[in-house]
């Protein structure tokens, strides 16, 4: 077999449908591989985006927790201050009540004294 024969055989094989099937199958396999590769790249990109969102959400939740802890601390501080002020107000109310009672007692004594003096004058 010389070069001419080999070229003729090659030409016949290329025209032969049976020879073209593996090439077609290879092309289909290559297309499927490319699609799978593309889908994997998209899935990776999608999962990276979701992971980044997860990290951002986690950081946001941590910040919210920190803000809540600070808020609770400030609320406790304010509550303690209000309790202290309420005690002072209650003491003031008690002092005023005692003052009222003293004034009433004084007026009663004055009235009694006035009555006594009026009785003496009569």
C-alpha atoms as a PDB file:
ATOM      1  CA  UNK A   1       0.000   0.000   0.000  1.00  0.00           C
ATOM      2  CA  UNK A   2       1.360   3.306  -1.003  1.00  0.00           C
ATOM      3  CA  UNK A   3       0.321   6.852  -0.091  1.00  0.00           C
ATOM      4  CA  UNK A   4      -2.311   6.966  -2.779  1.00  0.00           C
ATOM      5  CA  UNK A   5      -3.974   3.848  -1.432  1.00  0.00           C
ATOM      6  CA  UNK A   6      -3.876   5.227   2.094  1.00  0.00           C
ATOM      7  CA  UNK A   7      -5.460   8.481   0.982  1.00  0.00           C
ATOM      8  CA  UNK A   8      -8.195   6.610  -0.859  1.00  0.00           C
ATOM      9  CA  UNK A   9      -8.860   4.454   2.180  1.00  0.00           C
ATOM     10  CA  UNK A  10      -8.920   7.505   4.408  1.00  0.00           C
ATOM     11  CA  UNK A  11     -11.347   9.232   2.053  1.00  0.00           C
ATOM     12  CA  UNK A  12     -13.625   6.180   1.996  1.00  0.00           C
ATOM     13  CA  UNK A  13     -13.550   5.926   5.792  1.00  0.00           C
ATOM     14  CA  UNK A  14     -14.475   9.575   6.141  1.00  0.00           C
ATOM     15  CA  UNK A  15     -17.425   9.056   3.829  1.00  0.00           C
ATOM     16  CA  UNK A  16     -18.457   5.917   5.644  1.00  0.00           C
ATOM     17  CA  UNK A  17     -21.291   6.626   8.099  1.00  0.00           C
ATOM     18  CA  UNK A  18     -19.979   4.083  10.559  1.00  0.00           C
ATOM     19  CA  UNK A  19     -16.706   5.976  10.848  1.00  0.00           C
ATOM     20  CA  UNK A  20     -18.543   9.256  11.478  1.00  0.00           C
ATOM     21  CA  UNK A  21     -20.580   7.888  14.407  1.00  0.00           C
ATOM     22  CA  UNK A  22     -17.681   7.854  16.884  1.00  0.00           C
ATOM     23  CA  UNK A  23     -16.870  11.417  15.858  1.00  0.00           C
ATOM     24  CA  UNK A  24     -20.518  12.380  16.367  1.00  0.00           C
ATOM     25  CA  UNK A  25     -20.645  10.552  19.686  1.00  0.00           C
ATOM     26  CA  UNK A  26     -17.445  12.265  20.748  1.00  0.00           C
ATOM     27  CA  UNK A  27     -18.953  15.629  19.806  1.00  0.00           C
ATOM     28  CA  UNK A  28     -22.097  14.863  21.823  1.00  0.00           C
ATOM     29  CA  UNK A  29     -20.040  13.705  24.777  1.00  0.00           C
ATOM     30  CA  UNK A  30     -17.929  16.843  24.502  1.00  0.00           C
ATOM     31  CA  UNK A  31     -21.085  19.002  24.429  1.00  0.00           C
ATOM     32  CA  UNK A  32     -22.477  17.196  27.476  1.00  0.00           C
ATOM     33  CA  UNK A  33     -19.141  17.605  29.237  1.00  0.00           C
ATOM     34  CA  UNK A  34     -19.116  21.328  28.418  1.00  0.00           C
ATOM     35  CA  UNK A  35     -22.683  21.669  29.735  1.00  0.00           C
ATOM     36  CA  UNK A  36     -21.799  19.801  32.918  1.00  0.00           C
ATOM     37  CA  UNK A  37     -18.694  21.941  33.336  1.00  0.00           C
ATOM     38  CA  UNK A  38     -20.790  25.102  32.816  1.00  0.00           C
ATOM     39  CA  UNK A  39     -23.435  23.903  35.291  1.00  0.00           C
ATOM     40  CA  UNK A  40     -20.760  23.082  37.859  1.00  0.00           C
ATOM     41  CA  UNK A  41     -19.233  26.532  37.416  1.00  0.00           C
ATOM     42  CA  UNK A  42     -22.684  28.100  37.840  1.00  0.00           C
ATOM     43  CA  UNK A  43     -23.386  25.938  40.898  1.00  0.00           C
ATOM     44  CA  UNK A  44     -20.030  26.920  42.385  1.00  0.00           C
ATOM     45  CA  UNK A  45     -20.723  30.595  41.730  1.00  0.00           C
ATOM     46  CA  UNK A  46     -24.241  30.190  43.180  1.00  0.00           C
ATOM     47  CA  UNK A  47     -22.943  28.390  46.274  1.00  0.00           C
ATOM     48  CA  UNK A  48     -20.199  31.000  46.766  1.00  0.00           C
ATOM     49  CA  UNK A  49     -22.821  33.746  46.579  1.00  0.00           C
ATOM     50  CA  UNK A  50     -25.003  31.908  49.083  1.00  0.00           C
ATOM     51  CA  UNK A  51     -22.034  31.320  51.359  1.00  0.00           C
ATOM     52  CA  UNK A  52     -21.152  35.020  51.216  1.00  0.00           C
ATOM     53  CA  UNK A  53     -24.783  35.859  52.015  1.00  0.00           C
ATOM     54  CA  UNK A  54     -24.691  33.376  54.883  1.00  0.00           C
ATOM     55  CA  UNK A  55     -21.543  35.018  56.258  1.00  0.00           C
ATOM     56  CA  UNK A  56     -23.111  38.472  55.907  1.00  0.00           C
ATOM     57  CA  UNK A  57     -26.300  37.278  57.605  1.00  0.00           C
ATOM     58  CA  UNK A  58     -24.283  35.677  60.384  1.00  0.00           C
ATOM     59  CA  UNK A  59     -22.344  38.913  60.912  1.00  0.00           C
ATOM     60  CA  UNK A  60     -25.602  40.882  60.916  1.00  0.00           C
ATOM     61  CA  UNK A  61     -27.092  38.518  63.507  1.00  0.00           C
ATOM     62  CA  UNK A  62     -23.978  38.883  65.663  1.00  0.00           C
ATOM     63  CA  UNK A  63     -24.287  42.683  65.431  1.00  0.00           C
ATOM     64  CA  UNK A  64     -27.980  42.499  66.361  1.00  0.00           C
ATOM     65  CA  UNK A  65     -27.138  40.314  69.367  1.00  0.00           C
ATOM     66  CA  UNK A  66     -24.480  42.793  70.469  1.00  0.00           C
ATOM     67  CA  UNK A  67     -26.931  45.679  70.067  1.00  0.00           C
ATOM     68  CA  UNK A  68     -29.539  43.770  72.079  1.00  0.00           C
ATOM     69  CA  UNK A  69     -27.039  43.100  74.862  1.00  0.00           C
ATOM     70  CA  UNK A  70     -26.155  46.801  74.988  1.00  0.00           C
ATOM     71  CA  UNK A  71     -29.833  47.712  74.937  1.00  0.00           C
ATOM     72  CA  UNK A  72     -30.549  45.310  77.804  1.00  0.00           C
ATOM     73  CA  UNK A  73     -27.630  46.786  79.760  1.00  0.00           C
ATOM     74  CA  UNK A  74     -28.939  50.328  79.231  1.00  0.00           C
ATOM     75  CA  UNK A  75     -32.486  49.257  80.087  1.00  0.00           C
ATOM     76  CA  UNK A  76     -31.233  47.658  83.306  1.00  0.00           C
ATOM     77  CA  UNK A  77     -29.305  50.829  84.136  1.00  0.00           C
ATOM     78  CA  UNK A  78     -32.375  52.975  83.466  1.00  0.00           C
ATOM     79  CA  UNK A  79     -34.558  50.595  85.486  1.00  0.00           C
ATOM     80  CA  UNK A  80     -32.157  50.765  88.430  1.00  0.00           C
ATOM     81  CA  UNK A  81     -32.153  54.567  88.212  1.00  0.00           C
ATOM     82  CA  UNK A  82     -35.959  54.642  88.103  1.00  0.00           C
ATOM     83  CA  UNK A  83     -36.182  52.327  91.113  1.00  0.00           C
ATOM     84  CA  UNK A  84     -33.810  54.625  93.020  1.00  0.00           C
ATOM     85  CA  UNK A  85     -35.856  57.699  92.071  1.00  0.00           C
ATOM     86  CA  UNK A  86     -39.071  55.916  93.058  1.00  0.00           C
ATOM     87  CA  UNK A  87     -37.622  55.220  96.500  1.00  0.00           C
ATOM     88  CA  UNK A  88     -36.798  58.923  96.849  1.00  0.00           C
ATOM     89  CA  UNK A  89     -40.323  59.909  95.766  1.00  0.00           C
ATOM     90  CA  UNK A  90     -41.818  57.442  98.256  1.00  0.00           C
ATOM     91  CA  UNK A  91     -39.674  58.917 101.027  1.00  0.00           C
ATOM     92  CA  UNK A  92     -40.818  62.414 100.069  1.00  0.00           C
ATOM     93  CA  UNK A  93     -44.439  61.282 100.104  1.00  0.00           C
ATOM     94  CA  UNK A  94     -43.921  59.705 103.520  1.00  0.00           C
ATOM     95  CA  UNK A  95     -42.290  62.915 104.838  1.00  0.00           C
ATOM     96  CA  UNK A  96     -45.175  64.999 103.514  1.00  0.00           C
ATOM     97  CA  UNK A  97     -47.665  62.620 105.081  1.00  0.00           C
ATOM     98  CA  UNK A  98     -45.829  62.937 108.395  1.00  0.00           C
ATOM     99  CA  UNK A  99     -45.789  66.744 107.975  1.00  0.00           C
ATOM    100  CA  UNK A 100     -49.539  66.733 107.323  1.00  0.00           C
ATOM    101  CA  UNK A 101     -50.111  64.679 110.420  1.00  0.00           C
ATOM    102  CA  UNK A 102     -47.939  67.068 112.446  1.00  0.00           C
ATOM    103  CA  UNK A 103     -49.790  70.090 111.062  1.00  0.00           C
ATOM    104  CA  UNK A 104     -53.132  68.452 111.831  1.00  0.00           C
ATOM    105  CA  UNK A 105     -51.944  67.687 115.334  1.00  0.00           C
ATOM    106  CA  UNK A 106     -50.800  71.302 115.760  1.00  0.00           C
ATOM    107  CA  UNK A 107     -54.122  72.645 114.501  1.00  0.00           C
ATOM    108  CA  UNK A 108     -55.950  70.290 116.812  1.00  0.00           C
ATOM    109  CA  UNK A 109     -53.847  71.512 119.741  1.00  0.00           C
ATOM    110  CA  UNK A 110     -54.447  75.122 118.688  1.00  0.00           C
ATOM    111  CA  UNK A 111     -58.156  74.482 118.477  1.00  0.00           C
ATOM    112  CA  UNK A 112     -58.088  72.806 121.866  1.00  0.00           C
ATOM    113  CA  UNK A 113     -56.119  75.739 123.272  1.00  0.00           C
ATOM    114  CA  UNK A 114     -58.529  78.197 121.710  1.00  0.00           C
ATOM    115  CA  UNK A 115     -61.446  76.325 123.185  1.00  0.00           C
ATOM    116  CA  UNK A 116     -59.744  76.269 126.569  1.00  0.00           C
ATOM    117  CA  UNK A 117     -58.998  79.995 126.430  1.00  0.00           C
ATOM    118  CA  UNK A 118     -62.545  80.765 125.339  1.00  0.00           C
ATOM    119  CA  UNK A 119     -63.855  78.706 128.211  1.00  0.00           C
ATOM    120  CA  UNK A 120     -61.621  80.584 130.613  1.00  0.00           C
ATOM    121  CA  UNK A 121     -62.806  83.906 129.310  1.00  0.00           C
ATOM    122  CA  UNK A 122     -66.435  83.014 129.788  1.00  0.00           C
END
